[in-house]
Each structure stands twice: as C-alpha cells, then as structure tokens.
C-alpha atoms as a PDB file:
ATOM      1  CA  MET A   1     102.604  83.670 114.546  1.00  0.00           C
ATOM      2  CA  SER A   2     103.064  84.508 110.863  1.00  0.00           C
ATOM      3  CA  ASN A   3     106.376  85.744 109.472  1.00  0.00           C
ATOM      4  CA  ALA A   4     104.896  89.231 108.954  1.00  0.00           C
ATOM      5  CA  ASP A   5     103.557  89.403 112.528  1.00  0.00           C
ATOM      6  CA  ARG A   6     106.854  88.159 113.941  1.00  0.00           C
ATOM      7  CA  HIS A   7     108.844  90.691 111.904  1.00  0.00           C
ATOM      8  CA  ALA A   8     106.534  93.474 113.091  1.00  0.00           C
ATOM      9  CA  LEU A   9     106.943  92.441 116.725  1.00  0.00           C
ATOM     10  CA  ILE A  10     110.733  92.197 116.379  1.00  0.00           C
ATOM     11  CA  ALA A  11     110.955  95.602 114.698  1.00  0.00           C
ATOM     12  CA  LYS A  12     108.802  97.247 117.367  1.00  0.00           C
ATOM     13  CA  THR A  13     110.735  95.614 120.218  1.00  0.00           C
ATOM     14  CA  VAL A  14     114.112  96.682 118.848  1.00  0.00           C
ATOM     15  CA  ARG A  15     112.825 100.195 118.172  1.00  0.00           C
ATOM     16  CA  ASP A  16     111.184 100.655 121.591  1.00  0.00           C
ATOM     17  CA  SER A  17     114.086  99.166 123.566  1.00  0.00           C
ATOM     18  CA  ALA A  18     116.885 100.512 121.331  1.00  0.00           C
ATOM     19  CA  GLY A  19     118.073  96.919 120.948  1.00  0.00           C
ATOM     20  CA  ALA A  20     117.418  93.259 121.789  1.00  0.00           C
ATOM     21  CA  THR A  21     119.244  89.956 121.887  1.00  0.00           C
ATOM     22  CA  VAL A  22     118.416  86.860 119.870  1.00  0.00           C
ATOM     23  CA  GLN A  23     117.487  85.046 123.098  1.00  0.00           C
ATOM     24  CA  GLU A  24     115.136  87.821 124.195  1.00  0.00           C
ATOM     25  CA  LEU A  25     113.397  87.872 120.818  1.00  0.00           C
ATOM     26  CA  ALA A  26     113.110  84.078 120.717  1.00  0.00           C
ATOM     27  CA  GLY A  27     111.433  84.119 124.123  1.00  0.00           C
ATOM     28  CA  LEU A  28     109.103  86.932 123.075  1.00  0.00           C
ATOM     29  CA  THR A  29     107.979  85.373 119.801  1.00  0.00           C
ATOM     30  CA  GLY A  30     108.205  81.674 120.603  1.00  0.00           C
ATOM     31  CA  ALA A  31     110.402  81.111 117.544  1.00  0.00           C
ATOM     32  CA  SER A  32     113.734  79.304 117.517  1.00  0.00           C
ATOM     33  CA  GLU A  33     116.950  81.287 117.787  1.00  0.00           C
ATOM     34  CA  MET A  34     117.875  80.161 114.266  1.00  0.00           C
ATOM     35  CA  THR A  35     114.615  81.616 112.950  1.00  0.00           C
ATOM     36  CA  ILE A  36     115.209  84.864 114.842  1.00  0.00           C
ATOM     37  CA  ARG A  37     118.692  85.181 113.347  1.00  0.00           C
ATOM     38  CA  ARG A  38     117.228  84.823 109.849  1.00  0.00           C
ATOM     39  CA  ASP A  39     114.538  87.376 110.714  1.00  0.00           C
ATOM     40  CA  LEU A  40     117.154  89.861 111.914  1.00  0.00           C
ATOM     41  CA  ASP A  41     119.197  89.380 108.752  1.00  0.00           C
ATOM     42  CA  THR A  42     116.080  90.047 106.658  1.00  0.00           C
ATOM     43  CA  LEU A  43     115.102  93.162 108.620  1.00  0.00           C
ATOM     44  CA  ALA A  44     118.669  94.472 108.529  1.00  0.00           C
ATOM     45  CA  ALA A  45     118.707  94.098 104.738  1.00  0.00           C
ATOM     46  CA  GLN A  46     115.492  96.176 104.620  1.00  0.00           C
ATOM     47  CA  GLY A  47     117.091  98.948 106.704  1.00  0.00           C
ATOM     48  CA  VAL A  48     114.772  98.369 109.656  1.00  0.00           C
ATOM     49  CA  LEU A  49     117.526  97.672 112.205  1.00  0.00           C
ATOM     50  CA  GLU A  50     121.261  97.094 112.572  1.00  0.00           C
ATOM     51  CA  ARG A  51     122.540  93.571 113.080  1.00  0.00           C
ATOM     52  CA  VAL A  52     125.062  93.257 115.924  1.00  0.00           C
ATOM     53  CA  ARG A  53     126.699  90.274 117.578  1.00  0.00           C
ATOM     54  CA  GLY A  54     124.067  88.338 119.501  1.00  0.00           C
ATOM     55  CA  GLY A  55     121.105  90.483 118.402  1.00  0.00           C
ATOM     56  CA  ALA A  56     120.178  93.829 116.866  1.00  0.00           C
ATOM     57  CA  ARG A  57     119.912  97.513 117.704  1.00  0.00           C
ATOM     58  CA  THR A  58     117.809 100.358 116.389  1.00  0.00           C
ATOM     59  CA  LEU A  59     118.971 102.677 113.625  1.00  0.00           C
ATOM     60  CA  LEU A  60     116.509 105.354 114.652  1.00  0.00           C
ATOM     61  CA  LEU A  61     117.762 108.581 116.175  1.00  0.00           C
ATOM     62  CA  ARG A  62     115.630 110.572 118.582  1.00  0.00           C
ATOM     63  CA  GLY A  63     113.147 112.731 116.678  1.00  0.00           C
ATOM     64  CA  GLU A  64     113.910 110.981 113.390  1.00  0.00           C
ATOM     65  CA  GLU A  65     111.282 109.563 111.054  1.00  0.00           C
ATOM     66  CA  PRO A  66     111.165 105.756 111.196  1.00  0.00           C
ATOM     67  CA  PRO A  67     112.262 104.227 107.871  1.00  0.00           C
ATOM     68  CA  PHE A  68     109.613 103.168 105.350  1.00  0.00           C
ATOM     69  CA  ALA A  69     110.535  99.486 105.764  1.00  0.00           C
ATOM     70  CA  LEU A  70     109.877  99.699 109.508  1.00  0.00           C
ATOM     71  CA  ARG A  71     106.627 101.673 109.204  1.00  0.00           C
ATOM     72  CA  ALA A  72     105.347  99.134 106.673  1.00  0.00           C
ATOM     73  CA  HIS A  73     105.221  96.581 109.522  1.00  0.00           C
ATOM     74  CA  GLU A  74     103.373  98.851 111.965  1.00  0.00           C
ATOM     75  CA  ALA A  75      99.581  99.053 112.482  1.00  0.00           C
ATOM     76  CA  VAL A  76      98.933  97.191 109.230  1.00  0.00           C
ATOM     77  CA  ASP A  77      95.321  96.256 110.017  1.00  0.00           C
ATOM     78  CA  ALA A  78      94.512  99.812 111.091  1.00  0.00           C
ATOM     79  CA  LYS A  79      96.055 101.245 107.929  1.00  0.00           C
ATOM     80  CA  ARG A  80      93.968  98.897 105.782  1.00  0.00           C
ATOM     81  CA  ARG A  81      90.767  99.901 107.579  1.00  0.00           C
ATOM     82  CA  ILE A  82      91.681 103.557 107.184  1.00  0.00           C
ATOM     83  CA  ALA A  83      92.374 103.003 103.480  1.00  0.00           C
ATOM     84  CA  ALA A  84      88.964 101.395 102.979  1.00  0.00           C
ATOM     85  CA  GLU A  85      87.232 104.338 104.676  1.00  0.00           C
ATOM     86  CA  VAL A  86      89.213 106.853 102.609  1.00  0.00           C
ATOM     87  CA  CYS A  87      88.268 105.090  99.380  1.00  0.00           C
ATOM     88  CA  ALA A  88      84.609 105.092 100.416  1.00  0.00           C
ATOM     89  CA  LEU A  89      84.811 108.902 100.523  1.00  0.00           C
ATOM     90  CA  VAL A  90      86.148 109.102  96.954  1.00  0.00           C
ATOM     91  CA  ALA A  91      83.542 109.076  94.174  1.00  0.00           C
ATOM     92  CA  ASP A  92      84.023 107.428  90.790  1.00  0.00           C
ATOM     93  CA  GLY A  93      85.398 109.878  88.227  1.00  0.00           C
ATOM     94  CA  GLU A  94      87.320 111.997  90.740  1.00  0.00           C
ATOM     95  CA  THR A  95      90.869 113.221  90.227  1.00  0.00           C
ATOM     96  CA  VAL A  96      92.894 112.250  93.291  1.00  0.00           C
ATOM     97  CA  LEU A  97      96.286 113.358  94.557  1.00  0.00           C
ATOM     98  CA  LEU A  98      97.749 110.507  96.606  1.00  0.00           C
ATOM     99  CA  ASP A  99     100.512 111.332  99.072  1.00  0.00           C
ATOM    100  CA  SER A 100     103.503 109.125  99.885  1.00  0.00           C
ATOM    101  CA  GLY A 101     103.775 106.894 102.950  1.00  0.00           C
ATOM    102  CA  THR A 102     102.635 103.475 104.091  1.00  0.00           C
ATOM    103  CA  THR A 103      98.997 104.367 104.798  1.00  0.00           C
ATOM    104  CA  CYS A 104      98.598 106.036 101.406  1.00  0.00           C
ATOM    105  CA  LEU A 105     100.139 102.964  99.781  1.00  0.00           C
ATOM    106  CA  GLU A 106      97.244 100.943 101.217  1.00  0.00           C
ATOM    107  CA  VAL A 107      94.870 103.498  99.692  1.00  0.00           C
ATOM    108  CA  ALA A 108      96.610 102.955  96.342  1.00  0.00           C
ATOM    109  CA  ARG A 109      95.895  99.206  96.490  1.00  0.00           C
ATOM    110  CA  LEU A 110      92.178  99.978  96.590  1.00  0.00           C
ATOM    111  CA  LEU A 111      92.040 102.981  94.258  1.00  0.00           C
ATOM    112  CA  ARG A 112      93.658 101.047  91.404  1.00  0.00           C
ATOM    113  CA  GLU A 113      90.386  99.084  91.161  1.00  0.00           C
ATOM    114  CA  ARG A 114      88.295 102.247  90.816  1.00  0.00           C
ATOM    115  CA  PRO A 115      87.486 104.436  87.771  1.00  0.00           C
ATOM    116  CA  VAL A 116      89.392 107.457  89.084  1.00  0.00           C
ATOM    117  CA  THR A 117      92.378 109.489  87.924  1.00  0.00           C
ATOM    118  CA  VAL A 118      95.264 109.306  90.403  1.00  0.00           C
ATOM    119  CA  LEU A 119      98.556 111.154  90.686  1.00  0.00           C
ATOM    120  CA  PRO A 120     100.671 109.297  93.280  1.00  0.00           C
ATOM    121  CA  LEU A 121     103.586 110.981  95.007  1.00  0.00           C
ATOM    122  CA  SER A 122     105.679 107.874  95.662  1.00  0.00           C
ATOM    123  CA  LEU A 123     107.544 105.376  93.507  1.00  0.00           C
ATOM    124  CA  GLN A 124     105.946 102.496  95.422  1.00  0.00           C
ATOM    125  CA  ALA A 125     102.414 103.627  94.556  1.00  0.00           C
ATOM    126  CA  ILE A 126     103.328 104.428  90.940  1.00  0.00           C
ATOM    127  CA  HIS A 127     104.735 100.905  90.574  1.00  0.00           C
ATOM    128  CA  LEU A 128     101.590  99.456  92.154  1.00  0.00           C
ATOM    129  CA  PHE A 129      99.312 101.187  89.635  1.00  0.00           C
ATOM    130  CA  ALA A 130     101.579 100.362  86.711  1.00  0.00           C
ATOM    131  CA  GLU A 131     102.066  96.653  87.447  1.00  0.00           C
ATOM    132  CA  THR A 132      98.352  95.786  87.436  1.00  0.00           C
ATOM    133  CA  PRO A 133      96.502  97.988  84.945  1.00  0.00           C
ATOM    134  CA  GLY A 134      92.862  98.467  85.878  1.00  0.00           C
ATOM    135  CA  PRO A 135      90.087 101.036  85.569  1.00  0.00           C
ATOM    136  CA  ALA A 136      92.148 103.734  87.299  1.00  0.00           C
ATOM    137  CA  THR A 137      93.998 106.303  85.169  1.00  0.00           C
ATOM    138  CA  LEU A 138      97.574 106.873  86.325  1.00  0.00           C
ATOM    139  CA  MET A 139      99.307 110.252  86.085  1.00  0.00           C
ATOM    140  CA  VAL A 140     102.986 110.510  86.996  1.00  0.00           C
ATOM    141  CA  PRO A 141     104.582 113.725  88.337  1.00  0.00           C
ATOM    142  CA  GLY A 142     108.158 114.801  87.949  1.00  0.00           C
ATOM    143  CA  GLY A 143     110.492 114.989  90.894  1.00  0.00           C
ATOM    144  CA  GLN A 144     113.363 113.418  92.754  1.00  0.00           C
ATOM    145  CA  PRO A 145     112.633 110.406  95.010  1.00  0.00           C
ATOM    146  CA  ARG A 146     113.864 110.575  98.591  1.00  0.00           C
ATOM    147  CA  ALA A 147     116.250 107.731  99.387  1.00  0.00           C
ATOM    148  CA  ALA A 148     114.531 104.650 100.880  1.00  0.00           C
ATOM    149  CA  GLU A 149     111.206 106.509 101.094  1.00  0.00           C
ATOM    150  CA  GLY A 150     110.482 106.749  97.382  1.00  0.00           C
ATOM    151  CA  ALA A 151     108.571 109.985  98.043  1.00  0.00           C
ATOM    152  CA  LEU A 152     108.808 112.472  95.172  1.00  0.00           C
ATOM    153  CA  THR A 153     109.974 115.977  96.070  1.00  0.00           C
ATOM    154  CA  GLY A 154     111.710 118.983  94.547  1.00  0.00           C
ATOM    155  CA  PRO A 155     110.936 121.705  91.975  1.00  0.00           C
ATOM    156  CA  LEU A 156     109.554 119.329  89.323  1.00  0.00           C
ATOM    157  CA  THR A 157     107.082 117.828  91.790  1.00  0.00           C
ATOM    158  CA  LEU A 158     105.980 121.278  92.951  1.00  0.00           C
ATOM    159  CA  ALA A 159     105.573 122.414  89.337  1.00  0.00           C
ATOM    160  CA  SER A 160     103.431 119.361  88.556  1.00  0.00           C
ATOM    161  CA  LEU A 161     101.125 120.106  91.477  1.00  0.00           C
ATOM    162  CA  ALA A 162     100.879 123.802  90.634  1.00  0.00           C
ATOM    163  CA  ALA A 163      99.761 122.943  87.088  1.00  0.00           C
ATOM    164  CA  LEU A 164      96.879 120.689  88.182  1.00  0.00           C
ATOM    165  CA  ARG A 165      93.677 120.820  90.208  1.00  0.00           C
ATOM    166  CA  PHE A 166      92.345 117.824  92.111  1.00  0.00           C
ATOM    167  CA  ASP A 167      88.958 116.919  93.519  1.00  0.00           C
ATOM    168  CA  THR A 168      90.588 115.256  96.522  1.00  0.00           C
ATOM    169  CA  ALA A 169      94.049 115.206  98.075  1.00  0.00           C
ATOM    170  CA  VAL A 170      94.715 112.193 100.306  1.00  0.00           C
ATOM    171  CA  ILE A 171      97.539 113.256 102.609  1.00  0.00           C
ATOM    172  CA  GLY A 172      99.552 111.285 105.129  1.00  0.00           C
ATOM    173  CA  CYS A 173     101.461 112.823 108.011  1.00  0.00           C
ATOM    174  CA  CYS A 174     104.095 112.301 110.640  1.00  0.00           C
ATOM    175  CA  GLY A 175     102.190 114.244 113.264  1.00  0.00           C
ATOM    176  CA  LEU A 176      98.786 115.885 113.597  1.00  0.00           C
ATOM    177  CA  SER A 177      97.304 117.962 116.388  1.00  0.00           C
ATOM    178  CA  ALA A 178      94.698 120.683 116.725  1.00  0.00           C
ATOM    179  CA  ALA A 179      97.333 122.997 118.201  1.00  0.00           C
ATOM    180  CA  ASP A 180     100.154 122.493 115.701  1.00  0.00           C
ATOM    181  CA  GLY A 181      98.300 121.201 112.642  1.00  0.00           C
ATOM    182  CA  LEU A 182      99.752 118.762 110.127  1.00  0.00           C
ATOM    183  CA  THR A 183     103.518 118.260 110.389  1.00  0.00           C
ATOM    184  CA  ALA A 184     106.256 116.238 108.664  1.00  0.00           C
ATOM    185  CA  TYR A 185     109.849 115.285 109.424  1.00  0.00           C
ATOM    186  CA  ASP A 186     111.278 116.443 106.091  1.00  0.00           C
ATOM    187  CA  LEU A 187     111.139 120.041 104.822  1.00  0.00           C
ATOM    188  CA  ASP A 188     110.909 119.030 101.154  1.00  0.00           C
ATOM    189  CA  ASP A 189     108.138 116.561 101.939  1.00  0.00           C
ATOM    190  CA  ALA A 190     106.282 119.261 103.871  1.00  0.00           C
ATOM    191  CA  ALA A 191     106.505 121.611 100.868  1.00  0.00           C
ATOM    192  CA  VAL A 192     105.000 118.941  98.587  1.00  0.00           C
ATOM    193  CA  LYS A 193     102.158 118.227 101.004  1.00  0.00           C
ATOM    194  CA  LYS A 194     101.394 121.940 101.276  1.00  0.00           C
ATOM    195  CA  ALA A 195     101.355 122.346  97.488  1.00  0.00           C
ATOM    196  CA  GLY A 196      99.109 119.314  97.088  1.00  0.00           C
ATOM    197  CA  ILE A 197      96.611 120.623  99.615  1.00  0.00           C
ATOM    198  CA  ALA A 198      96.567 124.010  97.852  1.00  0.00           C
ATOM    199  CA  SER A 199      95.745 122.305  94.536  1.00  0.00           C
ATOM    200  CA  ALA A 200      92.804 120.270  95.831  1.00  0.00           C
ATOM    201  CA  ARG A 201      89.133 121.060  96.397  1.00  0.00           C
ATOM    202  CA  ARG A 202      89.179 119.068  99.624  1.00  0.00           C
ATOM    203  CA  THR A 203      91.799 117.312 101.741  1.00  0.00           C
ATOM    204  CA  ILE A 204      91.446 113.948 103.465  1.00  0.00           C
ATOM    205  CA  ALA A 205      94.145 113.242 106.038  1.00  0.00           C
ATOM    206  CA  ALA A 206      94.830 109.540 106.563  1.00  0.00           C
ATOM    207  CA  ALA A 207      96.620 108.806 109.850  1.00  0.00           C
ATOM    208  CA  ASP A 208      96.553 106.001 112.395  1.00  0.00           C
ATOM    209  CA  GLY A 209      95.943 106.980 116.004  1.00  0.00           C
ATOM    210  CA  GLY A 210      99.633 106.923 116.857  1.00  0.00           C
ATOM    211  CA  LYS A 211     100.173 110.063 114.745  1.00  0.00           C
ATOM    212  CA  LEU A 212      97.586 112.153 116.608  1.00  0.00           C
ATOM    213  CA  GLY A 213      98.837 114.509 119.276  1.00  0.00           C
ATOM    214  CA  ARG A 214     102.366 114.317 117.860  1.00  0.00           C
ATOM    215  CA  THR A 215     104.322 117.166 116.306  1.00  0.00           C
ATOM    216  CA  ALA A 216     107.143 116.676 113.804  1.00  0.00           C
ATOM    217  CA  TYR A 217     109.770 119.158 112.649  1.00  0.00           C
ATOM    218  CA  ALA A 218     108.203 120.789 109.573  1.00  0.00           C
ATOM    219  CA  HIS A 219     104.800 122.508 109.651  1.00  0.00           C
ATOM    220  CA  VAL A 220     102.516 121.858 106.674  1.00  0.00           C
ATOM    221  CA  VAL A 221      99.076 123.411 107.295  1.00  0.00           C
ATOM    222  CA  PRO A 222      96.769 124.226 110.224  1.00  0.00           C
ATOM    223  CA  ALA A 223      94.272 121.518 111.153  1.00  0.00           C
ATOM    224  CA  ALA A 224      91.427 123.791 110.018  1.00  0.00           C
ATOM    225  CA  LEU A 225      92.470 123.251 106.376  1.00  0.00           C
ATOM    226  CA  LEU A 226      91.800 119.518 106.628  1.00  0.00           C
ATOM    227  CA  HIS A 227      88.271 118.722 105.529  1.00  0.00           C
ATOM    228  CA  THR A 228      88.277 115.163 106.879  1.00  0.00           C
ATOM    229  CA  LEU A 229      90.538 113.000 109.023  1.00  0.00           C
ATOM    230  CA  VAL A 230      90.281 109.225 108.770  1.00  0.00           C
ATOM    231  CA  THR A 231      91.930 107.494 111.726  1.00  0.00           C
ATOM    232  CA  ASP A 232      91.465 104.351 113.830  1.00  0.00           C
ATOM    233  CA  THR A 233      90.176 103.453 117.269  1.00  0.00           C
ATOM    234  CA  THR A 234      93.534 104.082 118.973  1.00  0.00           C
ATOM    235  CA  ALA A 235      93.242 107.830 118.335  1.00  0.00           C
ATOM    236  CA  PRO A 236      93.287 109.838 121.611  1.00  0.00           C
ATOM    237  CA  ALA A 237      89.730 110.980 122.358  1.00  0.00           C
ATOM    238  CA  GLU A 238      90.809 114.425 123.552  1.00  0.00           C
ATOM    239  CA  GLU A 239      92.765 115.067 120.346  1.00  0.00           C
ATOM    240  CA  VAL A 240      89.856 113.894 118.202  1.00  0.00           C
ATOM    241  CA  ALA A 241      87.553 116.281 120.075  1.00  0.00           C
ATOM    242  CA  ALA A 242      89.998 119.148 119.610  1.00  0.00           C
ATOM    243  CA  LEU A 243      90.301 118.500 115.872  1.00  0.00           C
ATOM    244  CA  GLU A 244      86.522 118.360 115.521  1.00  0.00           C
ATOM    245  CA  GLY A 245      86.370 121.641 117.416  1.00  0.00           C
ATOM    246  CA  ALA A 246      88.733 123.128 114.815  1.00  0.00           C
ATOM    247  CA  GLY A 247      86.284 122.165 112.066  1.00  0.00           C
ATOM    248  CA  THR A 248      87.726 118.862 110.835  1.00  0.00           C
ATOM    249  CA  VAL A 249      85.315 115.967 110.281  1.00  0.00           C
ATOM    250  CA  VAL A 250      86.793 112.893 111.987  1.00  0.00           C
ATOM    251  CA  LYS A 251      85.906 109.381 110.841  1.00  0.00           C
ATOM    252  CA  THR A 252      87.118 106.366 112.810  1.00  0.00           C
ATOM    253  CA  ALA A 253      87.772 103.129 110.952  1.00  0.00           C
END
C-alpha cells in the first residue's frame, strides 16, 4: 500500500469512526505501529485529524464540511476521471471559470495544458497555473481566501465575476440533488458559486457520486440551471435519473 493510499484509508477510518488507535490502524493497513505514528503526525499537521495519546480522533463536527486536506485524500481516482471528462467538454479558446475544491483542482491540472483562458477561484489552482506556465492564460480575481480552503470569497471576488462573462463555469459542490439543487456549507462560498453561474453561458457541475443526494447548509441554484453534471460510477442511480428528469445532462466518468 502506497503512502497516499494508507493516508487516505487512515483519514477515512478516523473520520467514519470518530477516532482510532495506533494498533487498530496498524492492523487495518498492515503497516508497523511506528509507521502509523508518523502517518498520524503528518495528517495532524495537515489538519486532517487530531493526534491523541495512543491514536487519533476526528476534528469534524456533525454537518461540517470536511477540511480540504482530508478531501484531497478521498476518491482521488474518481476525481481524476471526472476532471478528464470535464476537460473533454471544454473547447480550445474558451474562457473558463474554475471553482474551488479538490475536484476542480484536478481539472486545473489538465486545463493548464490547454489553450484556454481560466479564472480560478482558489489559491491552490492559481499557484498550479502560475508555477508551470503553459498555453493556458491565467486571470486572477480579487477576494479574501477562506482559511485552510484557499477559496476566494467576498465583495472583490463577486465584483470580479460580475465584470466578466465566461463560456463555461466549472462548479464543485458539497451537495447536489434534484429536489434541493446545488448546495454548499459556507454562505460566502455559495454566493460566489451563484455569481459564477450567473456570469457563464453554461455550467458544468463536477461532483463525485458521494455528493449526490446530499444537501448542505447554503442553497446555490436549482438543479435545472446546471447544463451538465459530470460524476462517477458511485452516483446513486435514482438521483441521476431525477437530475436528468430536471433537464441536466449527466455524464459518468
């Protein structure tokens, strides 16, 4: 098991069980207890979990958005497949608004190799485009980054979006259902998503199957305003059918 796979399994186990001991995690992963202790120290430094005597416990409160560092370890293969499908829907020469979040960061890795103009809404994606200059043209909005997330929000971000028009908005989400539409955990983040969708000719939602059928705190837009959803094979069939019934084109990666 690679370090990344082991870290992902540890993070998921601690999150799902609210905590775990070093012995339990060693038995689960097949790694030595010394290795597990180092893993826990690394994940604690990333804000994924809290280190306690003999193991670790979750930092996540009920109904709270998992931290970026934790989500970065989850459904990585699915997010990469989704990103590839999203990029296949974007034509060369387009202007693209790219939302924050771990799935959209995978989209950024691919779009930086394309002749498109991109305005990312996270510090992580901006850094990704800036560190390896390529055929993509980078635009940077104003705004205030949310702690740990790096997502840009606030009046300057909203003003940037209001001043521009995009061919495509690639939007992530915390929850998506035909009944409740696209939702987010943070009110400021929801306002930015809504403004981005309003400034784009079409909207592509990028969400792994675990997001479908869920509803978060802040409503963004009804599902009918999403032109396309790109998800993966874990998406609940009944929710996919309901979204298609609402007029959204669903592509499974």
